[in-house]
C-alpha atoms as a PDB file:
ATOM      1  CA  UNK A   1       0.000   0.000   0.000  1.00  0.00           C
ATOM      2  CA  UNK A   2       1.253   3.489  -0.857  1.00  0.00           C
ATOM      3  CA  UNK A   3       2.421   5.747   1.948  1.00  0.00           C
ATOM      4  CA  UNK A   4       2.236   9.535   1.811  1.00  0.00           C
ATOM      5  CA  UNK A   5       3.790  12.229   3.992  1.00  0.00           C
ATOM      6  CA  UNK A   6       1.364  15.031   4.772  1.00  0.00           C
ATOM      7  CA  UNK A   7       2.931  18.484   4.191  1.00  0.00           C
ATOM      8  CA  UNK A   8      -0.115  20.511   5.239  1.00  0.00           C
ATOM      9  CA  UNK A   9      -2.816  19.488   7.648  1.00  0.00           C
ATOM     10  CA  UNK A  10      -5.753  17.866   5.813  1.00  0.00           C
ATOM     11  CA  UNK A  11      -9.181  16.437   6.593  1.00  0.00           C
ATOM     12  CA  UNK A  12     -10.212  13.421   4.542  1.00  0.00           C
ATOM     13  CA  UNK A  13     -13.048  10.908   4.559  1.00  0.00           C
ATOM     14  CA  UNK A  14     -14.375   9.332   6.630  1.00  0.00           C
ATOM     15  CA  UNK A  15     -13.945  12.025   9.309  1.00  0.00           C
ATOM     16  CA  UNK A  16     -10.147  11.774   9.567  1.00  0.00           C
ATOM     17  CA  UNK A  17      -7.457  14.402  10.083  1.00  0.00           C
ATOM     18  CA  UNK A  18      -3.716  14.265   9.341  1.00  0.00           C
ATOM     19  CA  UNK A  19      -1.331  16.976  10.482  1.00  0.00           C
ATOM     20  CA  UNK A  20       1.859  18.062   8.685  1.00  0.00           C
ATOM     21  CA  UNK A  21       4.636  15.480   8.992  1.00  0.00           C
ATOM     22  CA  UNK A  22       2.369  12.479   9.547  1.00  0.00           C
ATOM     23  CA  UNK A  23       2.650   9.407   7.285  1.00  0.00           C
ATOM     24  CA  UNK A  24      -0.714   8.095   6.091  1.00  0.00           C
ATOM     25  CA  UNK A  25      -1.709   5.030   4.049  1.00  0.00           C
ATOM     26  CA  UNK A  26      -5.471   5.439   3.844  1.00  0.00           C
ATOM     27  CA  UNK A  27      -5.997   8.460   1.585  1.00  0.00           C
ATOM     28  CA  UNK A  28      -8.785   8.110  -0.973  1.00  0.00           C
ATOM     29  CA  UNK A  29      -7.262   6.985  -4.294  1.00  0.00           C
ATOM     30  CA  UNK A  30      -9.295   9.613  -6.159  1.00  0.00           C
ATOM     31  CA  UNK A  31      -7.629  12.432  -4.167  1.00  0.00           C
ATOM     32  CA  UNK A  32      -4.006  11.310  -4.239  1.00  0.00           C
ATOM     33  CA  UNK A  33      -3.191  12.768  -7.679  1.00  0.00           C
ATOM     34  CA  UNK A  34      -4.375  16.312  -6.978  1.00  0.00           C
ATOM     35  CA  UNK A  35      -2.962  16.280  -3.430  1.00  0.00           C
ATOM     36  CA  UNK A  36       0.464  15.369  -4.873  1.00  0.00           C
ATOM     37  CA  UNK A  37       0.215  17.983  -7.656  1.00  0.00           C
ATOM     38  CA  UNK A  38      -0.753  20.749  -5.255  1.00  0.00           C
ATOM     39  CA  UNK A  39       2.095  19.922  -2.850  1.00  0.00           C
ATOM     40  CA  UNK A  40      -0.130  18.995   0.069  1.00  0.00           C
ATOM     41  CA  UNK A  41       1.319  15.473   0.288  1.00  0.00           C
ATOM     42  CA  UNK A  42       4.429  13.702  -1.021  1.00  0.00           C
ATOM     43  CA  UNK A  43       5.421  10.092  -1.562  1.00  0.00           C
ATOM     44  CA  UNK A  44       6.832   8.915   1.786  1.00  0.00           C
ATOM     45  CA  UNK A  45       8.937   6.230   0.098  1.00  0.00           C
ATOM     46  CA  UNK A  46      10.961   8.891  -1.723  1.00  0.00           C
ATOM     47  CA  UNK A  47      13.432  11.126   0.114  1.00  0.00           C
ATOM     48  CA  UNK A  48      11.825  14.214   1.605  1.00  0.00           C
ATOM     49  CA  UNK A  49      12.322  17.416  -0.342  1.00  0.00           C
ATOM     50  CA  UNK A  50      14.936  19.593   1.283  1.00  0.00           C
ATOM     51  CA  UNK A  51      13.715  23.126   1.775  1.00  0.00           C
ATOM     52  CA  UNK A  52      16.522  25.521   0.989  1.00  0.00           C
ATOM     53  CA  UNK A  53      16.676  28.732   2.936  1.00  0.00           C
ATOM     54  CA  UNK A  54      17.710  31.670   0.757  1.00  0.00           C
ATOM     55  CA  UNK A  55      20.895  33.399   1.793  1.00  0.00           C
ATOM     56  CA  UNK A  56      20.346  37.072   2.484  1.00  0.00           C
ATOM     57  CA  UNK A  57      23.452  39.210   2.310  1.00  0.00           C
ATOM     58  CA  UNK A  58      23.835  42.132   4.662  1.00  0.00           C
ATOM     59  CA  UNK A  59      23.736  45.461   2.831  1.00  0.00           C
ATOM     60  CA  UNK A  60      27.148  47.030   2.462  1.00  0.00           C
ATOM     61  CA  UNK A  61      27.533  50.259   4.381  1.00  0.00           C
ATOM     62  CA  UNK A  62      29.182  52.921   2.287  1.00  0.00           C
ATOM     63  CA  UNK A  63      31.464  55.269   4.183  1.00  0.00           C
ATOM     64  CA  UNK A  64      30.078  58.766   4.359  1.00  0.00           C
ATOM     65  CA  UNK A  65      32.485  61.557   3.575  1.00  0.00           C
ATOM     66  CA  UNK A  66      32.345  64.323   6.122  1.00  0.00           C
ATOM     67  CA  UNK A  67      31.588  67.645   4.513  1.00  0.00           C
ATOM     68  CA  UNK A  68      33.316  70.577   6.122  1.00  0.00           C
ATOM     69  CA  UNK A  69      31.599  73.784   5.264  1.00  0.00           C
ATOM     70  CA  UNK A  70      33.803  76.784   4.881  1.00  0.00           C
ATOM     71  CA  UNK A  71      32.445  80.026   6.264  1.00  0.00           C
ATOM     72  CA  UNK A  72      30.746  82.148   3.668  1.00  0.00           C
ATOM     73  CA  UNK A  73      33.165  84.832   2.562  1.00  0.00           C
ATOM     74  CA  UNK A  74      32.211  87.636   0.289  1.00  0.00           C
ATOM     75  CA  UNK A  75      34.651  88.328  -2.515  1.00  0.00           C
ATOM     76  CA  UNK A  76      36.616  91.507  -2.165  1.00  0.00           C
ATOM     77  CA  UNK A  77      38.940  93.143   0.261  1.00  0.00           C
ATOM     78  CA  UNK A  78      37.428  94.064   3.635  1.00  0.00           C
ATOM     79  CA  UNK A  79      39.593  96.533   5.516  1.00  0.00           C
ATOM     80  CA  UNK A  80      37.475  96.022   8.648  1.00  0.00           C
ATOM     81  CA  UNK A  81      37.598  92.183   8.619  1.00  0.00           C
ATOM     82  CA  UNK A  82      37.566  90.440  11.992  1.00  0.00           C
ATOM     83  CA  UNK A  83      39.153  87.113  13.000  1.00  0.00           C
ATOM     84  CA  UNK A  84      35.846  85.417  13.840  1.00  0.00           C
ATOM     85  CA  UNK A  85      37.201  81.858  14.034  1.00  0.00           C
ATOM     86  CA  UNK A  86      40.251  82.850  16.070  1.00  0.00           C
ATOM     87  CA  UNK A  87      42.832  81.222  13.810  1.00  0.00           C
ATOM     88  CA  UNK A  88      44.969  84.353  13.465  1.00  0.00           C
ATOM     89  CA  UNK A  89      43.969  85.111   9.877  1.00  0.00           C
ATOM     90  CA  UNK A  90      41.508  87.533   8.306  1.00  0.00           C
ATOM     91  CA  UNK A  91      39.334  86.766   5.264  1.00  0.00           C
ATOM     92  CA  UNK A  92      40.180  83.042   5.316  1.00  0.00           C
ATOM     93  CA  UNK A  93      40.149  81.223   1.974  1.00  0.00           C
ATOM     94  CA  UNK A  94      40.181  84.328  -0.202  1.00  0.00           C
ATOM     95  CA  UNK A  95      42.943  86.023  -2.157  1.00  0.00           C
ATOM     96  CA  UNK A  96      42.825  88.637   0.626  1.00  0.00           C
ATOM     97  CA  UNK A  97      43.665  86.237   3.459  1.00  0.00           C
ATOM     98  CA  UNK A  98      46.214  87.801   5.786  1.00  0.00           C
ATOM     99  CA  UNK A  99      47.461  87.452   9.354  1.00  0.00           C
ATOM    100  CA  UNK A 100      45.836  89.536  12.036  1.00  0.00           C
ATOM    101  CA  UNK A 101      47.884  92.653  12.718  1.00  0.00           C
ATOM    102  CA  UNK A 102      48.258  93.496  16.347  1.00  0.00           C
ATOM    103  CA  UNK A 103      47.325  97.067  17.186  1.00  0.00           C
END
């Protein structure tokens, strides 16, 4: 007699129930074909199908470049420029950059 492994719980006549993993031998012959085709049962005499778990790769984290914003400097010479950042230079990053003159 053919033996089938139940892959999903099923109810079958007369008033029987088989849960997933159970081996049954008394399934109605008229139902076996469609139960096999739909993947609800499998032939217990054949090796069980191995369910492969997909491998999920971790997303790669891209390094983030730090953006250093330069202070906004208007173009042009400013005779009254102040050393706001305290680095000892006036009009930083412009053609008019110069050391602070002590008064």
